[in-house]
Amino acid sequence: MDSDLFLSLYLYIFIILALIAGLAFTKNIGPKVDGKSKNRSYESGIVNIYGGINSSINVKYYLVAIIFVIFDIEAVFMYPWALNLRDLGVFGLIEMFIFMGILLVGLFYVYKKKILKWE
C-alpha cells in the first residue's frame, strides 16, 4: 500500500514540474511584440463596434439573457420528466406542477417589474 502512495506522490510531483516547465518554456520561446495594435480589442474581424473600454451596454440585454437561460433550463428538466412520467406516477406529476408553479411565480415577477418592456 505504501508503494502505491509513493507512486502517486511521485506522479503528482512529476505533473506539477512538467506544467511549470511547459509554462516556462512557452514564455521563453514565444514572441514578445508589444504595441498599440496588440493591445486593441478584436472580435471576429470587427474592431470594437461599441466604442471604447468605458462604453456601456444596456442592462436589459443581460436581463433578457438570464431570463432565457432560466426558462431554457426549465425545458431541460421537463424533457426527462416527460419521458419518465409513467414510471413517476402521480407523485411525479405533482412535483412537476410545483416546479412549474415556482417558475410561473418568477414569470409573474418579471412581468410585474416590466423587465421585458423595451422603451
N, C-alpha and C. Protein backbone atom coordinates (compact mmCIF):
# COMPACT_ATOMS: atom_id res chain seq x y z
N MET A 1 0.82 -1.20 0.00
CA MET A 1 0.00 0.00 0.00
C MET A 1 0.85 1.25 0.00
N ASP A 2 1.96 1.22 0.75
CA ASP A 2 2.83 2.38 0.81
C ASP A 2 3.48 2.67 -0.54
N SER A 3 3.78 1.62 -1.30
CA SER A 3 4.41 1.84 -2.61
C SER A 3 3.43 2.54 -3.56
N ASP A 4 2.13 2.22 -3.46
CA ASP A 4 1.14 2.91 -4.29
C ASP A 4 1.03 4.37 -3.91
N LEU A 5 1.11 4.66 -2.63
CA LEU A 5 1.04 6.04 -2.16
C LEU A 5 2.24 6.84 -2.65
N PHE A 6 3.43 6.25 -2.54
CA PHE A 6 4.63 6.94 -3.03
C PHE A 6 4.61 7.12 -4.54
N LEU A 7 4.09 6.13 -5.25
CA LEU A 7 3.98 6.24 -6.70
C LEU A 7 3.05 7.38 -7.09
N SER A 8 1.93 7.52 -6.37
CA SER A 8 1.00 8.63 -6.63
C SER A 8 1.65 9.97 -6.33
N LEU A 9 2.40 10.03 -5.23
CA LEU A 9 3.10 11.27 -4.87
C LEU A 9 4.12 11.65 -5.94
N TYR A 10 4.90 10.68 -6.41
CA TYR A 10 5.87 10.95 -7.47
C TYR A 10 5.17 11.40 -8.76
N LEU A 11 4.02 10.80 -9.05
CA LEU A 11 3.28 11.17 -10.25
C LEU A 11 2.78 12.61 -10.15
N TYR A 12 2.23 13.00 -8.99
CA TYR A 12 1.77 14.38 -8.81
C TYR A 12 2.92 15.37 -8.90
N ILE A 13 4.04 15.05 -8.31
CA ILE A 13 5.21 15.93 -8.39
C ILE A 13 5.67 16.05 -9.83
N PHE A 14 5.70 14.95 -10.56
CA PHE A 14 6.11 14.98 -11.96
C PHE A 14 5.17 15.85 -12.80
N ILE A 15 3.85 15.72 -12.56
CA ILE A 15 2.88 16.52 -13.31
C ILE A 15 3.06 18.00 -13.03
N ILE A 16 3.26 18.37 -11.77
CA ILE A 16 3.45 19.78 -11.41
C ILE A 16 4.72 20.32 -12.04
N LEU A 17 5.80 19.56 -11.98
CA LEU A 17 7.06 20.00 -12.60
C LEU A 17 6.93 20.11 -14.12
N ALA A 18 6.21 19.18 -14.74
CA ALA A 18 6.00 19.24 -16.19
C ALA A 18 5.19 20.47 -16.57
N LEU A 19 4.17 20.82 -15.77
CA LEU A 19 3.39 22.03 -16.05
C LEU A 19 4.23 23.28 -15.91
N ILE A 20 5.01 23.36 -14.86
CA ILE A 20 5.87 24.53 -14.66
C ILE A 20 6.89 24.63 -15.79
N ALA A 21 7.48 23.51 -16.18
CA ALA A 21 8.46 23.52 -17.28
C ALA A 21 7.80 23.93 -18.60
N GLY A 22 6.60 23.44 -18.85
CA GLY A 22 5.90 23.81 -20.08
C GLY A 22 5.56 25.29 -20.12
N LEU A 23 5.09 25.83 -19.01
CA LEU A 23 4.79 27.26 -18.97
C LEU A 23 6.05 28.11 -19.14
N ALA A 24 7.13 27.73 -18.47
CA ALA A 24 8.38 28.48 -18.61
C ALA A 24 8.92 28.38 -20.03
N PHE A 25 8.82 27.21 -20.63
CA PHE A 25 9.31 27.01 -21.99
C PHE A 25 8.54 27.87 -22.99
N THR A 26 7.22 27.88 -22.91
CA THR A 26 6.44 28.69 -23.86
C THR A 26 6.63 30.18 -23.62
N LYS A 27 6.85 30.59 -22.38
CA LYS A 27 7.09 32.01 -22.11
C LYS A 27 8.42 32.45 -22.71
N ASN A 28 9.41 31.60 -22.68
CA ASN A 28 10.73 31.97 -23.18
C ASN A 28 10.83 31.92 -24.70
N ILE A 29 10.12 31.01 -25.35
CA ILE A 29 10.27 30.92 -26.81
C ILE A 29 9.19 31.69 -27.56
N GLY A 30 8.16 32.16 -26.86
CA GLY A 30 7.07 32.86 -27.53
C GLY A 30 7.47 34.27 -27.98
N PRO A 31 6.76 34.82 -28.98
CA PRO A 31 7.07 36.18 -29.45
C PRO A 31 6.74 37.22 -28.38
N LYS A 32 7.54 38.27 -28.36
CA LYS A 32 7.35 39.33 -27.38
C LYS A 32 7.16 40.66 -28.11
N VAL A 33 6.02 40.79 -28.76
CA VAL A 33 5.73 42.00 -29.52
C VAL A 33 4.67 42.80 -28.76
N ASP A 34 5.04 43.97 -28.32
CA ASP A 34 4.10 44.86 -27.67
C ASP A 34 3.87 46.06 -28.57
N GLY A 35 2.68 46.59 -28.53
CA GLY A 35 2.40 47.76 -29.34
C GLY A 35 0.94 48.14 -29.27
N LYS A 36 0.62 49.21 -29.99
CA LYS A 36 -0.74 49.73 -29.97
C LYS A 36 -1.72 48.74 -30.59
N SER A 37 -1.35 48.12 -31.69
CA SER A 37 -2.28 47.20 -32.35
C SER A 37 -2.48 45.92 -31.55
N LYS A 38 -1.51 45.49 -30.78
CA LYS A 38 -1.67 44.28 -29.99
C LYS A 38 -2.62 44.49 -28.82
N ASN A 39 -2.66 45.68 -28.28
CA ASN A 39 -3.49 45.95 -27.11
C ASN A 39 -4.92 46.36 -27.46
N ARG A 40 -5.25 46.51 -28.74
CA ARG A 40 -6.62 46.84 -29.14
C ARG A 40 -7.51 45.62 -29.04
N SER A 41 -8.79 45.85 -28.75
CA SER A 41 -9.73 44.73 -28.71
C SER A 41 -10.09 44.33 -30.13
N TYR A 42 -10.31 43.04 -30.32
CA TYR A 42 -10.59 42.49 -31.64
C TYR A 42 -11.58 41.36 -31.48
N GLU A 43 -12.70 41.44 -32.16
CA GLU A 43 -13.73 40.41 -32.03
C GLU A 43 -14.20 39.99 -33.42
N SER A 44 -13.76 38.87 -33.89
CA SER A 44 -14.20 38.28 -35.15
C SER A 44 -14.05 39.23 -36.34
N GLY A 45 -12.99 39.94 -36.38
CA GLY A 45 -12.73 40.83 -37.51
C GLY A 45 -13.39 42.19 -37.40
N ILE A 46 -14.16 42.43 -36.36
CA ILE A 46 -14.82 43.71 -36.17
C ILE A 46 -14.06 44.48 -35.09
N VAL A 47 -13.68 45.69 -35.43
CA VAL A 47 -12.92 46.49 -34.48
C VAL A 47 -13.89 47.25 -33.59
N ASN A 48 -14.05 46.83 -32.36
CA ASN A 48 -14.77 47.49 -31.28
C ASN A 48 -15.93 48.37 -31.73
N ILE A 49 -17.05 47.76 -32.04
CA ILE A 49 -18.20 48.49 -32.56
C ILE A 49 -18.93 49.28 -31.49
N TYR A 50 -18.66 49.01 -30.22
CA TYR A 50 -19.40 49.68 -29.15
C TYR A 50 -18.68 50.89 -28.58
N GLY A 51 -17.56 51.25 -29.12
CA GLY A 51 -16.84 52.40 -28.59
C GLY A 51 -15.65 51.95 -27.78
N GLY A 52 -15.26 52.77 -26.82
CA GLY A 52 -14.08 52.50 -26.02
C GLY A 52 -14.35 51.50 -24.91
N ILE A 53 -13.39 51.40 -24.05
CA ILE A 53 -13.48 50.47 -22.93
C ILE A 53 -14.57 50.89 -21.95
N ASN A 54 -14.78 52.18 -21.80
CA ASN A 54 -15.72 52.67 -20.82
C ASN A 54 -17.15 52.78 -21.34
N SER A 55 -17.40 52.36 -22.57
CA SER A 55 -18.77 52.41 -23.08
C SER A 55 -19.60 51.31 -22.42
N SER A 56 -20.88 51.58 -22.24
CA SER A 56 -21.72 50.61 -21.54
C SER A 56 -22.80 50.07 -22.48
N ILE A 57 -23.24 48.87 -22.18
CA ILE A 57 -24.31 48.22 -22.92
C ILE A 57 -25.52 48.19 -22.00
N ASN A 58 -26.69 48.34 -22.57
CA ASN A 58 -27.91 48.37 -21.79
C ASN A 58 -28.06 47.09 -20.96
N VAL A 59 -28.43 47.23 -19.70
CA VAL A 59 -28.56 46.11 -18.78
C VAL A 59 -29.69 45.17 -19.20
N LYS A 60 -30.66 45.67 -19.94
CA LYS A 60 -31.79 44.84 -20.34
C LYS A 60 -31.35 43.65 -21.19
N TYR A 61 -30.28 43.81 -21.95
CA TYR A 61 -29.77 42.68 -22.74
C TYR A 61 -29.36 41.54 -21.82
N TYR A 62 -28.68 41.87 -20.73
CA TYR A 62 -28.26 40.85 -19.79
C TYR A 62 -29.45 40.23 -19.07
N LEU A 63 -30.42 41.03 -18.71
CA LEU A 63 -31.61 40.50 -18.03
C LEU A 63 -32.37 39.54 -18.92
N VAL A 64 -32.53 39.90 -20.18
CA VAL A 64 -33.22 39.00 -21.11
C VAL A 64 -32.43 37.71 -21.27
N ALA A 65 -31.12 37.80 -21.33
CA ALA A 65 -30.31 36.58 -21.46
C ALA A 65 -30.44 35.69 -20.23
N ILE A 66 -30.46 36.28 -19.03
CA ILE A 66 -30.60 35.48 -17.81
C ILE A 66 -31.98 34.83 -17.75
N ILE A 67 -33.01 35.58 -18.11
CA ILE A 67 -34.36 35.01 -18.11
C ILE A 67 -34.47 33.88 -19.13
N PHE A 68 -33.83 34.05 -20.28
CA PHE A 68 -33.83 32.99 -21.28
C PHE A 68 -33.16 31.73 -20.74
N VAL A 69 -32.05 31.89 -20.05
CA VAL A 69 -31.34 30.73 -19.50
C VAL A 69 -32.21 30.02 -18.47
N ILE A 70 -32.90 30.79 -17.63
CA ILE A 70 -33.75 30.18 -16.61
C ILE A 70 -34.85 29.34 -17.26
N PHE A 71 -35.52 29.88 -18.27
CA PHE A 71 -36.61 29.13 -18.88
C PHE A 71 -36.09 28.05 -19.83
N ASP A 72 -34.86 28.18 -20.28
CA ASP A 72 -34.25 27.12 -21.07
C ASP A 72 -33.93 25.92 -20.18
N ILE A 73 -33.47 26.19 -18.97
CA ILE A 73 -33.22 25.11 -18.01
C ILE A 73 -34.52 24.41 -17.66
N GLU A 74 -35.60 25.16 -17.62
CA GLU A 74 -36.92 24.56 -17.38
C GLU A 74 -37.19 23.49 -18.44
N ALA A 75 -36.93 23.80 -19.68
CA ALA A 75 -37.18 22.83 -20.75
C ALA A 75 -36.26 21.62 -20.61
N VAL A 76 -35.04 21.83 -20.15
CA VAL A 76 -34.12 20.71 -19.95
C VAL A 76 -34.63 19.78 -18.86
N PHE A 77 -35.25 20.32 -17.81
CA PHE A 77 -35.80 19.48 -16.75
C PHE A 77 -37.10 18.80 -17.17
N MET A 78 -37.85 19.43 -18.05
CA MET A 78 -39.13 18.86 -18.44
C MET A 78 -38.99 17.68 -19.39
N TYR A 79 -37.94 17.63 -20.19
CA TYR A 79 -37.79 16.55 -21.16
C TYR A 79 -37.63 15.17 -20.49
N PRO A 80 -36.69 15.01 -19.54
CA PRO A 80 -36.61 13.68 -18.91
C PRO A 80 -37.84 13.36 -18.07
N TRP A 81 -38.48 14.38 -17.51
CA TRP A 81 -39.71 14.15 -16.76
C TRP A 81 -40.80 13.59 -17.68
N ALA A 82 -40.91 14.16 -18.88
CA ALA A 82 -41.92 13.68 -19.82
C ALA A 82 -41.63 12.25 -20.26
N LEU A 83 -40.37 11.89 -20.38
CA LEU A 83 -40.03 10.52 -20.77
C LEU A 83 -40.35 9.51 -19.67
N ASN A 84 -40.25 9.92 -18.42
CA ASN A 84 -40.44 9.01 -17.29
C ASN A 84 -41.75 9.23 -16.55
N LEU A 85 -42.70 9.86 -17.17
CA LEU A 85 -43.95 10.21 -16.48
C LEU A 85 -44.70 8.97 -16.00
N ARG A 86 -44.72 7.95 -16.79
CA ARG A 86 -45.46 6.73 -16.39
C ARG A 86 -44.81 6.07 -15.17
N ASP A 87 -43.49 6.08 -15.13
CA ASP A 87 -42.79 5.48 -14.00
C ASP A 87 -42.94 6.32 -12.73
N LEU A 88 -42.99 7.65 -12.89
CA LEU A 88 -43.08 8.53 -11.73
C LEU A 88 -44.47 8.56 -11.12
N GLY A 89 -45.47 8.40 -11.94
CA GLY A 89 -46.83 8.36 -11.45
C GLY A 89 -47.35 9.71 -11.00
N VAL A 90 -48.29 9.67 -10.07
CA VAL A 90 -48.95 10.88 -9.59
C VAL A 90 -47.95 11.77 -8.83
N PHE A 91 -47.05 11.16 -8.09
CA PHE A 91 -46.06 11.94 -7.34
C PHE A 91 -45.21 12.79 -8.28
N GLY A 92 -44.78 12.22 -9.39
CA GLY A 92 -44.00 12.97 -10.38
C GLY A 92 -44.80 14.09 -11.01
N LEU A 93 -46.09 13.84 -11.22
CA LEU A 93 -46.95 14.88 -11.79
C LEU A 93 -47.11 16.05 -10.81
N ILE A 94 -47.30 15.74 -9.55
CA ILE A 94 -47.43 16.80 -8.53
C ILE A 94 -46.12 17.58 -8.41
N GLU A 95 -45.00 16.89 -8.42
CA GLU A 95 -43.71 17.57 -8.34
C GLU A 95 -43.50 18.52 -9.52
N MET A 96 -43.91 18.10 -10.71
CA MET A 96 -43.74 18.98 -11.87
C MET A 96 -44.67 20.18 -11.78
N PHE A 97 -45.88 19.99 -11.24
CA PHE A 97 -46.77 21.13 -11.04
C PHE A 97 -46.17 22.13 -10.05
N ILE A 98 -45.52 21.63 -9.02
CA ILE A 98 -44.85 22.53 -8.07
C ILE A 98 -43.71 23.27 -8.75
N PHE A 99 -42.92 22.56 -9.53
CA PHE A 99 -41.81 23.18 -10.26
C PHE A 99 -42.32 24.24 -11.23
N MET A 100 -43.36 23.91 -11.98
CA MET A 100 -43.92 24.88 -12.93
C MET A 100 -44.55 26.06 -12.20
N GLY A 101 -45.13 25.82 -11.02
CA GLY A 101 -45.70 26.91 -10.23
C GLY A 101 -44.64 27.89 -9.77
N ILE A 102 -43.49 27.37 -9.34
CA ILE A 102 -42.40 28.24 -8.93
C ILE A 102 -41.92 29.08 -10.11
N LEU A 103 -41.79 28.46 -11.26
CA LEU A 103 -41.37 29.22 -12.44
C LEU A 103 -42.44 30.22 -12.88
N LEU A 104 -43.69 29.88 -12.70
CA LEU A 104 -44.77 30.81 -13.04
C LEU A 104 -44.75 32.03 -12.12
N VAL A 105 -44.44 31.82 -10.85
CA VAL A 105 -44.29 32.95 -9.93
C VAL A 105 -43.15 33.85 -10.40
N GLY A 106 -42.05 33.24 -10.84
CA GLY A 106 -40.94 34.03 -11.38
C GLY A 106 -41.32 34.80 -12.63
N LEU A 107 -42.12 34.18 -13.49
CA LEU A 107 -42.57 34.87 -14.70
C LEU A 107 -43.49 36.03 -14.36
N PHE A 108 -44.38 35.85 -13.39
CA PHE A 108 -45.23 36.97 -12.96
C PHE A 108 -44.40 38.10 -12.36
N TYR A 109 -43.36 37.74 -11.64
CA TYR A 109 -42.47 38.76 -11.07
C TYR A 109 -41.79 39.56 -12.17
N VAL A 110 -41.30 38.85 -13.19
CA VAL A 110 -40.65 39.53 -14.32
C VAL A 110 -41.65 40.44 -15.03
N TYR A 111 -42.87 39.97 -15.19
CA TYR A 111 -43.90 40.77 -15.84
C TYR A 111 -44.26 41.99 -15.00
N LYS A 112 -44.35 41.82 -13.69
CA LYS A 112 -44.72 42.91 -12.79
C LYS A 112 -43.64 43.99 -12.78
N LYS A 113 -42.37 43.59 -12.80
CA LYS A 113 -41.26 44.55 -12.79
C LYS A 113 -41.02 45.16 -14.16
N LYS A 114 -41.74 44.69 -15.18
CA LYS A 114 -41.64 45.18 -16.57
C LYS A 114 -40.22 45.08 -17.10
N ILE A 115 -39.59 43.96 -16.81
CA ILE A 115 -38.22 43.75 -17.27
C ILE A 115 -38.17 43.56 -18.77
N LEU A 116 -39.17 42.92 -19.35
CA LEU A 116 -39.16 42.65 -20.78
C LEU A 116 -39.74 43.78 -21.61
N LYS A 117 -40.11 44.90 -20.99
CA LYS A 117 -40.68 46.01 -21.72
C LYS A 117 -39.56 46.93 -22.20
N TRP A 118 -39.45 47.07 -23.52
CA TRP A 118 -38.41 47.91 -24.09
C TRP A 118 -38.98 49.30 -24.34
N GLU A 119 -38.21 50.29 -24.00
CA GLU A 119 -38.66 51.68 -24.18
C GLU A 119 -37.73 52.41 -25.12
